[in-house]
Structure formats: C-alpha cells, structure tokens
Amino acid sequence: MRAIIAGGTGFIGQALVVALRDAGWDIVVLSRSPGKVAEVFGHGVIGMRWDGSGWLELLGPDTAVVNLAGENIAAGRWTGEVKRRILESRVNAGRSLVKAVGEASAKPGVFVQASAVGYYGPRGNDPVDEGAESGSGYLAEVCRAWEASSAEVEAMGVRRVVVRTGMVLGHGGALARMLPPFRYFLGGPPGSGYQGVSWVHLEDEVGAIRFLMENKEARGAYNLTAPTPVRFRKFARILGQTLGRPYRLNAPAFALRLLFGEMADEVLLSGQLALPTRLTEAGYVFRHPDLEETLADLLAVARPTV
C-alpha cells in the first residue's frame, strides 16, 4: 500500500505519516521543499513536489491520496489577509490534487479530504452528527469550500472520504497551548465554558483515518471525534484535576474578543457537541473514548486504581 499525503508535516500529518510508515506503507509527502521531508521523517518517506512530476505514475488502486493541507486557523487574530490565506490554502490544495488526479492515467483507490467540525457552525445543547446541515459563520463557510474543493474526484470514479475533525489532543497542538495557564495556576475555560468541545486523541485521529482508508465501503463524511464530547467547563475541570491545578479562572469573553477579534467568537467562545455516528457504525473502535484517561495518558499521569 502507498499513501501520497499533502500536509504531511503538520501536527496530524506527521503522526499519520509515522504510523503508516511503521505499518509498512510506502509514503510520499508532497512539499514545496522535498529535501526537508527526509530531515523530518528519515528513512521510508519520500518528499516530492506538488506539481505532480514524479508521483502521478504512482497512483493506482492500492494508493491513497490524503489531503490534510491548510493554514492553522488558531494562530492569531484574523485579519482580512489571514482569513484569505486560511481559505485559499485549503481550496487551492484540494483543486491542485484534483487536477493532478484528473491528468493521471490510473486513479487512486481512495481520496481522503480533511475538514473540521466547524462545518456545523456554533451549536447549543443539541449534539450533532454527520446528518446535520452545515451551520453559519466563517469556519462553516471555510469547511464547505474545503470539502467541495476535491468533490470532482468522485466523478472520476474515486472513492472519497471527508474527515471532519474536532480538537485533536496530543503532544503539541491545542493541548500544548492550553497547558501553560493551568501550570501557572491560571487555568479555566474561555468565556462561559458552556461551549461544546468535540475532542479526539491523536492516536484515534490517525487510527480512524487509516481505518477509513482501508475500509472499501467507507465514503462520504465522518466526524473524527471521540463519542464523549464535553462542555469546555468540564474539559477545564478534568484538565485541572489531572494536573493538580485550579481550573475555575474563566478567561473573560470581552478580553478574548479584544485580543483575537472574530477568531475568539468562532474558535474559543463557541463550539459543538459532534458525535462520530457514522464512524462507529462502520465498526471503528476508539482506543481512547474517555477524556480523563486521554489526558492522563498524554500527560503521563497515573490514574488511581479502585
């Protein structure tokens, strides 16, 4: 088996590349600087350029194309330029891959398209699964365009899977950004804390992507979130208790809006309770369905036995 991965040097991409490589897959990572790919991953991973030269002839029924490319949405305040880059980085990547696949004589067996639970927009108390309609707001707009960017491969006869990912918890990413305030006794949820957090352990993110790549019946959209989403206030409580730190110091909504503007409202102060209905129905079994166990695992904290 072979995987051609765009966005392979990102947080999720690196974990996926390593897991597939260690499982015996041949891996190609698309990069503007192919020489740097070997520096990141070492043996067993080849870097190639986006323009299709060198990797189009590798396509075939045993090859998966995985599109994880896109700029970080939570890197700072959203200016008009930042919003343009967030959207275009996703849409242009999908279109480039579709164009390359269309020019290839053989087509891949599966095309995995990244997306996010932001597709559903801000939600209240009601959980949502893949049957819910897309919501309102900038992130929902981005997710719709992101998903649509590679839809044309289906008309080429390629099985396509869309993975709507939640907050991925691992060594790095969102969890790393949350830890310093808690460790300095300043931890707590942003705003009211009632917003939903659809989280997933990085190991399950990677495991679910591989499961959907290998399951020839899988197609369409899947939520890559643990089956136990929580409110942010509960997330903060469990994180604080895991670290042995306070967890009740809310970051005021007005202060977050002053610092981050629109990004605060869409990323920090709102959320959704997304359920992985289609993923579990397809037979995927989560390794880390429990938030307490997940944080203890990632923070290397021993849980008490009963």
C-alpha atoms as a PDB file:
ATOM      1  CA  MET A   1       0.000   0.000   0.000  1.00  0.00           C
ATOM      2  CA  ARG A   2       1.070   3.542  -0.710  1.00  0.00           C
ATOM      3  CA  ALA A   3      -0.091   6.909   0.600  1.00  0.00           C
ATOM      4  CA  ILE A   4       0.529  10.272  -1.024  1.00  0.00           C
ATOM      5  CA  ILE A   5      -0.018  12.897   1.663  1.00  0.00           C
ATOM      6  CA  ALA A   6      -0.430  16.654   1.348  1.00  0.00           C
ATOM      7  CA  GLY A   7       0.054  18.422   4.675  1.00  0.00           C
ATOM      8  CA  GLY A   8       2.223  15.591   5.912  1.00  0.00           C
ATOM      9  CA  THR A   9       4.487  17.822   8.004  1.00  0.00           C
ATOM     10  CA  GLY A  10       1.633  19.250  10.109  1.00  0.00           C
ATOM     11  CA  PHE A  11       0.559  18.088  13.566  1.00  0.00           C
ATOM     12  CA  ILE A  12      -1.835  15.385  12.339  1.00  0.00           C
ATOM     13  CA  GLY A  13       0.119  14.712   9.169  1.00  0.00           C
ATOM     14  CA  GLN A  14       3.343  13.818  10.950  1.00  0.00           C
ATOM     15  CA  ALA A  15       1.580  11.343  13.220  1.00  0.00           C
ATOM     16  CA  LEU A  16      -0.197   9.755  10.247  1.00  0.00           C
ATOM     17  CA  VAL A  17       2.998   9.502   8.210  1.00  0.00           C
ATOM     18  CA  VAL A  18       4.879   7.794  11.042  1.00  0.00           C
ATOM     19  CA  ALA A  19       2.034   5.361  11.789  1.00  0.00           C
ATOM     20  CA  LEU A  20       1.639   4.332   8.139  1.00  0.00           C
ATOM     21  CA  ARG A  21       5.386   4.079   7.585  1.00  0.00           C
ATOM     22  CA  ASP A  22       5.786   1.870  10.644  1.00  0.00           C
ATOM     23  CA  ALA A  23       2.942  -0.318   9.358  1.00  0.00           C
ATOM     24  CA  GLY A  24       4.822  -0.935   6.124  1.00  0.00           C
ATOM     25  CA  TRP A  25       3.202   1.615   3.811  1.00  0.00           C
ATOM     26  CA  ASP A  26       5.226   3.433   1.168  1.00  0.00           C
ATOM     27  CA  ILE A  27       4.843   7.154   1.889  1.00  0.00           C
ATOM     28  CA  VAL A  28       5.189  10.179  -0.359  1.00  0.00           C
ATOM     29  CA  VAL A  29       4.835  13.603   1.275  1.00  0.00           C
ATOM     30  CA  LEU A  30       4.065  16.487  -1.065  1.00  0.00           C
ATOM     31  CA  SER A  31       6.106  19.552  -0.199  1.00  0.00           C
ATOM     32  CA  ARG A  32       7.448  22.779  -1.663  1.00  0.00           C
ATOM     33  CA  SER A  33      10.781  21.670  -0.174  1.00  0.00           C
ATOM     34  CA  PRO A  34      11.015  17.900  -0.790  1.00  0.00           C
ATOM     35  CA  GLY A  35      14.548  17.736   0.580  1.00  0.00           C
ATOM     36  CA  LYS A  36      13.318  18.732   4.021  1.00  0.00           C
ATOM     37  CA  VAL A  37      10.911  15.799   4.205  1.00  0.00           C
ATOM     38  CA  ALA A  38      13.722  13.297   4.753  1.00  0.00           C
ATOM     39  CA  GLU A  39      15.094  15.530   7.516  1.00  0.00           C
ATOM     40  CA  VAL A  40      11.743  15.370   9.314  1.00  0.00           C
ATOM     41  CA  PHE A  41      10.960  11.666   8.876  1.00  0.00           C
ATOM     42  CA  GLY A  42      14.176   9.876   7.986  1.00  0.00           C
ATOM     43  CA  HIS A  43      14.038   6.585   6.119  1.00  0.00           C
ATOM     44  CA  GLY A  44      10.957   5.243   4.376  1.00  0.00           C
ATOM     45  CA  VAL A  45       9.421   8.607   3.461  1.00  0.00           C
ATOM     46  CA  ILE A  46       9.969  10.383   0.139  1.00  0.00           C
ATOM     47  CA  GLY A  47       9.365  14.080  -0.498  1.00  0.00           C
ATOM     48  CA  MET A  48       8.019  15.180  -3.883  1.00  0.00           C
ATOM     49  CA  ARG A  49       6.812  18.453  -5.328  1.00  0.00           C
ATOM     50  CA  TRP A  50       3.136  19.401  -5.614  1.00  0.00           C
ATOM     51  CA  ASP A  51       3.183  19.832  -9.385  1.00  0.00           C
ATOM     52  CA  GLY A  52       2.646  16.111  -9.967  1.00  0.00           C
ATOM     53  CA  SER A  53       6.013  15.353 -11.511  1.00  0.00           C
ATOM     54  CA  GLY A  54       7.219  12.076 -10.073  1.00  0.00           C
ATOM     55  CA  TRP A  55       4.130  10.965  -8.190  1.00  0.00           C
ATOM     56  CA  LEU A  56       1.351  10.759 -10.780  1.00  0.00           C
ATOM     57  CA  GLU A  57       2.724   7.463 -12.075  1.00  0.00           C
ATOM     58  CA  LEU A  58       2.498   6.079  -8.525  1.00  0.00           C
ATOM     59  CA  LEU A  59      -1.287   6.348  -8.491  1.00  0.00           C
ATOM     60  CA  GLY A  60      -3.360   3.202  -8.715  1.00  0.00           C
ATOM     61  CA  PRO A  61      -5.963   1.150  -6.830  1.00  0.00           C
ATOM     62  CA  ASP A  62      -3.516   0.451  -3.976  1.00  0.00           C
ATOM     63  CA  THR A  63      -2.681   4.131  -3.491  1.00  0.00           C
ATOM     64  CA  ALA A  64      -4.437   6.563  -1.162  1.00  0.00           C
ATOM     65  CA  VAL A  65      -4.256  10.336  -1.615  1.00  0.00           C
ATOM     66  CA  VAL A  66      -4.686  12.201   1.680  1.00  0.00           C
ATOM     67  CA  ASN A  67      -5.245  15.950   1.704  1.00  0.00           C
ATOM     68  CA  LEU A  68      -4.522  17.496   5.104  1.00  0.00           C
ATOM     69  CA  ALA A  69      -3.156  20.791   3.777  1.00  0.00           C
ATOM     70  CA  GLY A  70      -4.266  24.111   5.227  1.00  0.00           C
ATOM     71  CA  GLU A  71      -3.051  27.001   7.380  1.00  0.00           C
ATOM     72  CA  ASN A  72      -3.606  26.948  11.141  1.00  0.00           C
ATOM     73  CA  ILE A  73      -6.907  28.670  11.993  1.00  0.00           C
ATOM     74  CA  ALA A  74      -5.926  29.493  15.586  1.00  0.00           C
ATOM     75  CA  ALA A  75      -2.515  31.068  15.113  1.00  0.00           C
ATOM     76  CA  GLY A  76      -3.692  34.571  15.984  1.00  0.00           C
ATOM     77  CA  ARG A  77      -6.091  37.401  15.203  1.00  0.00           C
ATOM     78  CA  TRP A  78      -7.985  37.061  11.930  1.00  0.00           C
ATOM     79  CA  THR A  79      -7.254  39.977   9.636  1.00  0.00           C
ATOM     80  CA  GLY A  80      -8.710  40.049   6.150  1.00  0.00           C
ATOM     81  CA  GLU A  81      -5.398  38.748   4.817  1.00  0.00           C
ATOM     82  CA  VAL A  82      -5.246  35.907   7.343  1.00  0.00           C
ATOM     83  CA  LYS A  83      -8.804  34.836   6.500  1.00  0.00           C
ATOM     84  CA  ARG A  84      -7.950  34.855   2.809  1.00  0.00           C
ATOM     85  CA  ARG A  85      -4.899  32.637   3.415  1.00  0.00           C
ATOM     86  CA  ILE A  86      -6.869  30.210   5.595  1.00  0.00           C
ATOM     87  CA  LEU A  87      -9.482  29.733   2.887  1.00  0.00           C
ATOM     88  CA  GLU A  88      -7.198  29.725  -0.144  1.00  0.00           C
ATOM     89  CA  SER A  89      -4.647  27.358   1.409  1.00  0.00           C
ATOM     90  CA  ARG A  90      -7.388  24.755   1.725  1.00  0.00           C
ATOM     91  CA  VAL A  91      -9.274  25.297  -1.501  1.00  0.00           C
ATOM     92  CA  ASN A  92      -6.165  25.607  -3.684  1.00  0.00           C
ATOM     93  CA  ALA A  93      -4.660  22.424  -2.244  1.00  0.00           C
ATOM     94  CA  GLY A  94      -7.790  20.414  -2.993  1.00  0.00           C
ATOM     95  CA  ARG A  95      -8.094  21.781  -6.507  1.00  0.00           C
ATOM     96  CA  SER A  96      -4.422  21.123  -7.255  1.00  0.00           C
ATOM     97  CA  LEU A  97      -4.731  17.498  -6.205  1.00  0.00           C
ATOM     98  CA  VAL A  98      -7.930  17.023  -8.200  1.00  0.00           C
ATOM     99  CA  LYS A  99      -6.258  18.464 -11.288  1.00  0.00           C
ATOM    100  CA  ALA A 100      -3.305  16.096 -10.885  1.00  0.00           C
ATOM    101  CA  VAL A 101      -5.533  13.063 -10.348  1.00  0.00           C
ATOM    102  CA  GLY A 102      -7.529  14.016 -13.446  1.00  0.00           C
ATOM    103  CA  GLU A 103      -4.350  14.053 -15.534  1.00  0.00           C
ATOM    104  CA  ALA A 104      -3.139  10.673 -14.274  1.00  0.00           C
ATOM    105  CA  SER A 105      -3.741   7.552 -16.362  1.00  0.00           C
ATOM    106  CA  ALA A 106      -4.521   5.493 -13.231  1.00  0.00           C
ATOM    107  CA  LYS A 107      -6.672   6.762 -10.383  1.00  0.00           C
ATOM    108  CA  PRO A 108      -6.100   6.275  -6.636  1.00  0.00           C
ATOM    109  CA  GLY A 109      -8.166   3.806  -4.697  1.00  0.00           C
ATOM    110  CA  VAL A 110      -9.302   6.451  -2.201  1.00  0.00           C
ATOM    111  CA  PHE A 111      -9.063  10.198  -1.679  1.00  0.00           C
ATOM    112  CA  VAL A 112      -9.217  11.384   1.944  1.00  0.00           C
ATOM    113  CA  GLN A 113     -10.257  15.023   2.307  1.00  0.00           C
ATOM    114  CA  ALA A 114      -9.707  16.876   5.577  1.00  0.00           C
ATOM    115  CA  SER A 115     -12.401  19.083   7.081  1.00  0.00           C
ATOM    116  CA  ALA A 116     -13.472  20.055  10.599  1.00  0.00           C
ATOM    117  CA  VAL A 117     -16.485  20.047  12.907  1.00  0.00           C
ATOM    118  CA  GLY A 118     -16.578  23.799  12.347  1.00  0.00           C
ATOM    119  CA  TYR A 119     -18.684  22.713   9.366  1.00  0.00           C
ATOM    120  CA  TYR A 120     -21.681  22.616  11.731  1.00  0.00           C
ATOM    121  CA  GLY A 121     -21.167  26.165  12.972  1.00  0.00           C
ATOM    122  CA  PRO A 122     -21.819  27.247  16.571  1.00  0.00           C
ATOM    123  CA  ARG A 123     -24.316  24.892  18.227  1.00  0.00           C
ATOM    124  CA  GLY A 124     -26.172  24.924  21.517  1.00  0.00           C
ATOM    125  CA  ASN A 125     -27.178  21.991  23.689  1.00  0.00           C
ATOM    126  CA  ASP A 126     -28.108  19.520  20.961  1.00  0.00           C
ATOM    127  CA  PRO A 127     -25.410  17.096  19.765  1.00  0.00           C
ATOM    128  CA  VAL A 128     -24.853  16.871  16.010  1.00  0.00           C
ATOM    129  CA  ASP A 129     -23.711  14.043  13.798  1.00  0.00           C
ATOM    130  CA  GLU A 130     -22.984  13.721  10.099  1.00  0.00           C
ATOM    131  CA  GLY A 131     -26.663  14.056   9.235  1.00  0.00           C
ATOM    132  CA  ALA A 132     -26.778  17.669  10.449  1.00  0.00           C
ATOM    133  CA  GLU A 133     -26.714  20.544   7.987  1.00  0.00           C
ATOM    134  CA  SER A 134     -23.822  22.956   7.769  1.00  0.00           C
ATOM    135  CA  GLY A 135     -24.073  25.953  10.061  1.00  0.00           C
ATOM    136  CA  SER A 136     -23.332  29.653   9.892  1.00  0.00           C
ATOM    137  CA  GLY A 137     -20.158  31.649  10.292  1.00  0.00           C
ATOM    138  CA  TYR A 138     -16.755  31.938   8.671  1.00  0.00           C
ATOM    139  CA  LEU A 139     -15.494  28.496   9.739  1.00  0.00           C
ATOM    140  CA  ALA A 140     -18.576  26.768   8.381  1.00  0.00           C
ATOM    141  CA  GLU A 141     -18.069  28.629   5.104  1.00  0.00           C
ATOM    142  CA  VAL A 142     -14.419  27.546   5.005  1.00  0.00           C
ATOM    143  CA  CYS A 143     -15.302  23.921   5.717  1.00  0.00           C
ATOM    144  CA  ARG A 144     -17.921  23.827   2.971  1.00  0.00           C
ATOM    145  CA  ALA A 145     -15.442  25.206   0.445  1.00  0.00           C
ATOM    146  CA  TRP A 146     -12.688  22.900   1.768  1.00  0.00           C
ATOM    147  CA  GLU A 147     -14.839  19.823   1.290  1.00  0.00           C
ATOM    148  CA  ALA A 148     -16.082  20.936  -2.115  1.00  0.00           C
ATOM    149  CA  SER A 149     -12.525  21.538  -3.387  1.00  0.00           C
ATOM    150  CA  SER A 150     -11.960  17.817  -4.049  1.00  0.00           C
ATOM    151  CA  ALA A 151     -15.521  16.670  -4.789  1.00  0.00           C
ATOM    152  CA  GLU A 152     -14.759  16.264  -8.506  1.00  0.00           C
ATOM    153  CA  VAL A 153     -12.697  13.114  -7.890  1.00  0.00           C
ATOM    154  CA  GLU A 154     -15.930  11.248  -7.266  1.00  0.00           C
ATOM    155  CA  ALA A 155     -16.978  11.834 -10.886  1.00  0.00           C
ATOM    156  CA  MET A 156     -13.656  10.192 -11.846  1.00  0.00           C
ATOM    157  CA  GLY A 157     -14.725   7.023 -10.040  1.00  0.00           C
ATOM    158  CA  VAL A 158     -12.556   7.614  -6.975  1.00  0.00           C
ATOM    159  CA  ARG A 159     -13.905   6.721  -3.535  1.00  0.00           C
ATOM    160  CA  ARG A 160     -13.787   9.877  -1.425  1.00  0.00           C
ATOM    161  CA  VAL A 161     -13.881  10.176   2.364  1.00  0.00           C
ATOM    162  CA  VAL A 162     -14.295  13.505   4.165  1.00  0.00           C
ATOM    163  CA  VAL A 163     -12.983  13.597   7.745  1.00  0.00           C
ATOM    164  CA  ARG A 164     -14.493  16.324   9.952  1.00  0.00           C
ATOM    165  CA  THR A 165     -12.018  16.565  12.783  1.00  0.00           C
ATOM    166  CA  GLY A 166     -12.540  18.037  16.250  1.00  0.00           C
ATOM    167  CA  MET A 167      -9.947  19.275  18.744  1.00  0.00           C
ATOM    168  CA  VAL A 168      -7.058  16.822  18.402  1.00  0.00           C
ATOM    169  CA  LEU A 169      -5.292  16.114  21.683  1.00  0.00           C
ATOM    170  CA  GLY A 170      -1.682  15.021  21.532  1.00  0.00           C
ATOM    171  CA  HIS A 171       1.847  16.137  22.356  1.00  0.00           C
ATOM    172  CA  GLY A 172       1.547  19.523  20.717  1.00  0.00           C
ATOM    173  CA  GLY A 173      -1.363  21.282  19.060  1.00  0.00           C
ATOM    174  CA  ALA A 174      -4.251  22.697  21.103  1.00  0.00           C
ATOM    175  CA  LEU A 175      -3.320  20.888  24.324  1.00  0.00           C
ATOM    176  CA  ALA A 176       0.184  22.370  24.336  1.00  0.00           C
ATOM    177  CA  ARG A 177      -1.313  25.873  24.054  1.00  0.00           C
ATOM    178  CA  MET A 178      -3.671  25.230  26.978  1.00  0.00           C
ATOM    179  CA  LEU A 179      -1.136  23.826  29.419  1.00  0.00           C
ATOM    180  CA  PRO A 180       0.888  26.922  30.473  1.00  0.00           C
ATOM    181  CA  PRO A 181      -2.020  28.822  32.114  1.00  0.00           C
ATOM    182  CA  PHE A 182      -3.017  25.729  34.080  1.00  0.00           C
ATOM    183  CA  ARG A 183       0.534  25.049  35.192  1.00  0.00           C
ATOM    184  CA  TYR A 184       0.794  28.635  36.425  1.00  0.00           C
ATOM    185  CA  PHE A 185      -2.452  28.307  38.409  1.00  0.00           C
ATOM    186  CA  LEU A 186      -4.392  30.439  35.901  1.00  0.00           C
ATOM    187  CA  GLY A 187      -6.408  27.695  34.230  1.00  0.00           C
ATOM    188  CA  GLY A 188     -10.058  27.798  33.311  1.00  0.00           C
ATOM    189  CA  PRO A 189     -12.436  27.751  30.357  1.00  0.00           C
ATOM    190  CA  PRO A 190     -12.770  30.622  27.895  1.00  0.00           C
ATOM    191  CA  GLY A 191     -15.910  32.704  28.385  1.00  0.00           C
ATOM    192  CA  SER A 192     -18.879  30.954  29.956  1.00  0.00           C
ATOM    193  CA  GLY A 193     -17.446  27.485  29.473  1.00  0.00           C
ATOM    194  CA  TYR A 194     -20.757  26.189  28.121  1.00  0.00           C
ATOM    195  CA  GLN A 195     -19.471  25.821  24.562  1.00  0.00           C
ATOM    196  CA  GLY A 196     -19.060  22.274  23.328  1.00  0.00           C
ATOM    197  CA  VAL A 197     -15.652  20.639  22.880  1.00  0.00           C
ATOM    198  CA  SER A 198     -15.572  17.821  20.338  1.00  0.00           C
ATOM    199  CA  TRP A 199     -12.194  16.294  21.107  1.00  0.00           C
ATOM    200  CA  VAL A 200     -10.237  13.265  19.902  1.00  0.00           C
ATOM    201  CA  HIS A 201      -6.969  11.637  20.944  1.00  0.00           C
ATOM    202  CA  LEU A 202      -4.308  11.927  18.231  1.00  0.00           C
ATOM    203  CA  GLU A 203      -3.956   8.144  18.220  1.00  0.00           C
ATOM    204  CA  ASP A 204      -7.649   7.796  17.367  1.00  0.00           C
ATOM    205  CA  GLU A 205      -7.440  10.569  14.757  1.00  0.00           C
ATOM    206  CA  VAL A 206      -4.722   8.628  12.979  1.00  0.00           C
ATOM    207  CA  GLY A 207      -6.376   5.265  13.616  1.00  0.00           C
ATOM    208  CA  ALA A 208      -9.704   6.448  12.204  1.00  0.00           C
ATOM    209  CA  ILE A 209      -8.108   7.919   9.083  1.00  0.00           C
ATOM    210  CA  ARG A 210      -6.309   4.658   8.419  1.00  0.00           C
ATOM    211  CA  PHE A 211      -9.497   2.687   9.121  1.00  0.00           C
ATOM    212  CA  LEU A 212     -11.409   4.750   6.553  1.00  0.00           C
ATOM    213  CA  MET A 213      -8.595   4.467   4.024  1.00  0.00           C
ATOM    214  CA  GLU A 214      -8.630   0.681   4.263  1.00  0.00           C
ATOM    215  CA  ASN A 215     -12.405   0.171   4.535  1.00  0.00           C
ATOM    216  CA  LYS A 216     -13.521  -0.016   0.902  1.00  0.00           C
ATOM    217  CA  GLU A 217     -17.155   0.578   1.893  1.00  0.00           C
ATOM    218  CA  ALA A 218     -16.363   3.915   3.566  1.00  0.00           C
ATOM    219  CA  ARG A 219     -17.305   7.011   1.621  1.00  0.00           C
ATOM    220  CA  GLY A 220     -18.767  10.427   2.419  1.00  0.00           C
ATOM    221  CA  ALA A 221     -18.407  12.474   5.607  1.00  0.00           C
ATOM    222  CA  TYR A 222     -17.301  11.134   9.004  1.00  0.00           C
ATOM    223  CA  ASN A 223     -16.861  13.017  12.281  1.00  0.00           C
ATOM    224  CA  LEU A 224     -13.452  12.227  13.739  1.00  0.00           C
ATOM    225  CA  THR A 225     -14.337  12.989  17.334  1.00  0.00           C
ATOM    226  CA  ALA A 226     -14.497  10.884  20.479  1.00  0.00           C
ATOM    227  CA  PRO A 227     -18.001   9.638  21.342  1.00  0.00           C
ATOM    228  CA  THR A 228     -17.951  11.683  24.576  1.00  0.00           C
ATOM    229  CA  PRO A 229     -17.833  15.414  23.759  1.00  0.00           C
ATOM    230  CA  VAL A 230     -17.995  17.741  26.766  1.00  0.00           C
ATOM    231  CA  ARG A 231     -18.622  21.360  27.693  1.00  0.00           C
ATOM    232  CA  PHE A 232     -15.455  23.428  27.992  1.00  0.00           C
ATOM    233  CA  ARG A 233     -16.029  23.937  31.706  1.00  0.00           C
ATOM    234  CA  LYS A 234     -15.892  20.145  32.184  1.00  0.00           C
ATOM    235  CA  PHE A 235     -12.850  19.901  29.941  1.00  0.00           C
ATOM    236  CA  ALA A 236     -11.116  22.542  32.069  1.00  0.00           C
ATOM    237  CA  ARG A 237     -12.095  20.748  35.298  1.00  0.00           C
ATOM    238  CA  ILE A 238     -10.688  17.413  34.095  1.00  0.00           C
ATOM    239  CA  LEU A 239      -7.515  19.044  32.796  1.00  0.00           C
ATOM    240  CA  GLY A 240      -7.027  20.951  36.058  1.00  0.00           C
ATOM    241  CA  GLN A 241      -7.623  17.859  38.172  1.00  0.00           C
ATOM    242  CA  THR A 242      -5.241  15.831  36.010  1.00  0.00           C
ATOM    243  CA  LEU A 243      -2.529  18.434  36.535  1.00  0.00           C
ATOM    244  CA  GLY A 244      -3.413  19.048  40.170  1.00  0.00           C
ATOM    245  CA  ARG A 245      -4.099  22.715  39.418  1.00  0.00           C
ATOM    246  CA  PRO A 246      -7.079  25.104  39.791  1.00  0.00           C
ATOM    247  CA  TYR A 247      -9.483  25.193  36.863  1.00  0.00           C
ATOM    248  CA  ARG A 248     -12.122  27.841  37.643  1.00  0.00           C
ATOM    249  CA  LEU A 249     -10.453  31.024  36.394  1.00  0.00           C
ATOM    250  CA  ASN A 250     -12.527  31.843  33.307  1.00  0.00           C
ATOM    251  CA  ALA A 251     -10.902  33.953  30.623  1.00  0.00           C
ATOM    252  CA  PRO A 252     -13.436  36.791  30.120  1.00  0.00           C
ATOM    253  CA  ALA A 253     -15.141  36.795  26.745  1.00  0.00           C
ATOM    254  CA  PHE A 254     -14.651  40.544  26.293  1.00  0.00           C
ATOM    255  CA  ALA A 255     -10.903  40.216  26.853  1.00  0.00           C
ATOM    256  CA  LEU A 256     -10.631  37.380  24.339  1.00  0.00           C
ATOM    257  CA  ARG A 257     -12.558  39.452  21.794  1.00  0.00           C
ATOM    258  CA  LEU A 258     -10.214  42.388  22.354  1.00  0.00           C
ATOM    259  CA  LEU A 259      -7.198  40.145  21.790  1.00  0.00           C
ATOM    260  CA  PHE A 260      -8.432  37.925  18.977  1.00  0.00           C
ATOM    261  CA  GLY A 261     -11.471  39.598  17.452  1.00  0.00           C
ATOM    262  CA  GLU A 262     -13.642  37.365  15.272  1.00  0.00           C
ATOM    263  CA  MET A 263     -11.403  34.352  15.881  1.00  0.00           C
ATOM    264  CA  ALA A 264     -12.343  34.434  19.580  1.00  0.00           C
ATOM    265  CA  ASP A 265     -16.067  34.129  18.810  1.00  0.00           C
ATOM    266  CA  GLU A 266     -15.688  31.331  16.259  1.00  0.00           C
ATOM    267  CA  VAL A 267     -12.890  29.252  17.800  1.00  0.00           C
ATOM    268  CA  LEU A 268     -12.711  29.972  21.538  1.00  0.00           C
ATOM    269  CA  LEU A 269     -16.189  31.057  22.635  1.00  0.00           C
ATOM    270  CA  SER A 270     -18.406  28.743  20.591  1.00  0.00           C
ATOM    271  CA  GLY A 271     -18.380  25.081  19.685  1.00  0.00           C
ATOM    272  CA  GLN A 272     -20.434  21.998  19.072  1.00  0.00           C
ATOM    273  CA  LEU A 273     -21.034  18.557  20.537  1.00  0.00           C
ATOM    274  CA  ALA A 274     -20.228  16.428  17.500  1.00  0.00           C
ATOM    275  CA  LEU A 275     -20.775  12.666  17.597  1.00  0.00           C
ATOM    276  CA  PRO A 276     -18.949  10.096  15.415  1.00  0.00           C
ATOM    277  CA  THR A 277     -22.127   8.242  14.468  1.00  0.00           C
ATOM    278  CA  ARG A 278     -21.067   7.040  11.010  1.00  0.00           C
ATOM    279  CA  LEU A 279     -17.576   6.116  12.193  1.00  0.00           C
ATOM    280  CA  THR A 280     -18.807   3.869  14.996  1.00  0.00           C
ATOM    281  CA  GLU A 281     -21.489   2.366  12.746  1.00  0.00           C
ATOM    282  CA  ALA A 282     -18.736   1.484  10.269  1.00  0.00           C
ATOM    283  CA  GLY A 283     -17.015  -0.516  13.014  1.00  0.00           C
ATOM    284  CA  TYR A 284     -14.257   1.732  14.283  1.00  0.00           C
ATOM    285  CA  VAL A 285     -13.452   1.091  17.963  1.00  0.00           C
ATOM    286  CA  PHE A 286     -11.966   4.036  19.841  1.00  0.00           C
ATOM    287  CA  ARG A 287      -8.794   3.388  21.811  1.00  0.00           C
ATOM    288  CA  HIS A 288      -9.347   6.497  23.943  1.00  0.00           C
ATOM    289  CA  PRO A 289     -13.071   7.257  24.346  1.00  0.00           C
ATOM    290  CA  ASP A 290     -12.707   8.732  27.849  1.00  0.00           C
ATOM    291  CA  LEU A 291     -11.374  12.274  28.401  1.00  0.00           C
ATOM    292  CA  GLU A 292      -9.907  11.577  31.857  1.00  0.00           C
ATOM    293  CA  GLU A 293      -7.956   8.613  30.530  1.00  0.00           C
ATOM    294  CA  THR A 294      -6.886  10.561  27.443  1.00  0.00           C
ATOM    295  CA  LEU A 295      -5.439  13.466  29.413  1.00  0.00           C
ATOM    296  CA  ALA A 296      -3.804  11.124  31.912  1.00  0.00           C
ATOM    297  CA  ASP A 297      -2.244   9.226  29.011  1.00  0.00           C
ATOM    298  CA  LEU A 298      -0.965  12.333  27.251  1.00  0.00           C
ATOM    299  CA  LEU A 299       0.292  13.979  30.436  1.00  0.00           C
ATOM    300  CA  ALA A 300       1.763  10.720  31.765  1.00  0.00           C
ATOM    301  CA  VAL A 301      -0.327  10.844  34.933  1.00  0.00           C
ATOM    302  CA  ALA A 302      -1.147   7.598  36.649  1.00  0.00           C
ATOM    303  CA  ARG A 303      -4.845   7.169  37.365  1.00  0.00           C
ATOM    304  CA  PRO A 304      -5.782   5.737  40.763  1.00  0.00           C
ATOM    305  CA  THR A 305      -6.994   2.144  40.792  1.00  0.00           C
ATOM    306  CA  VAL A 306     -10.193   1.172  42.593  1.00  0.00           C
END
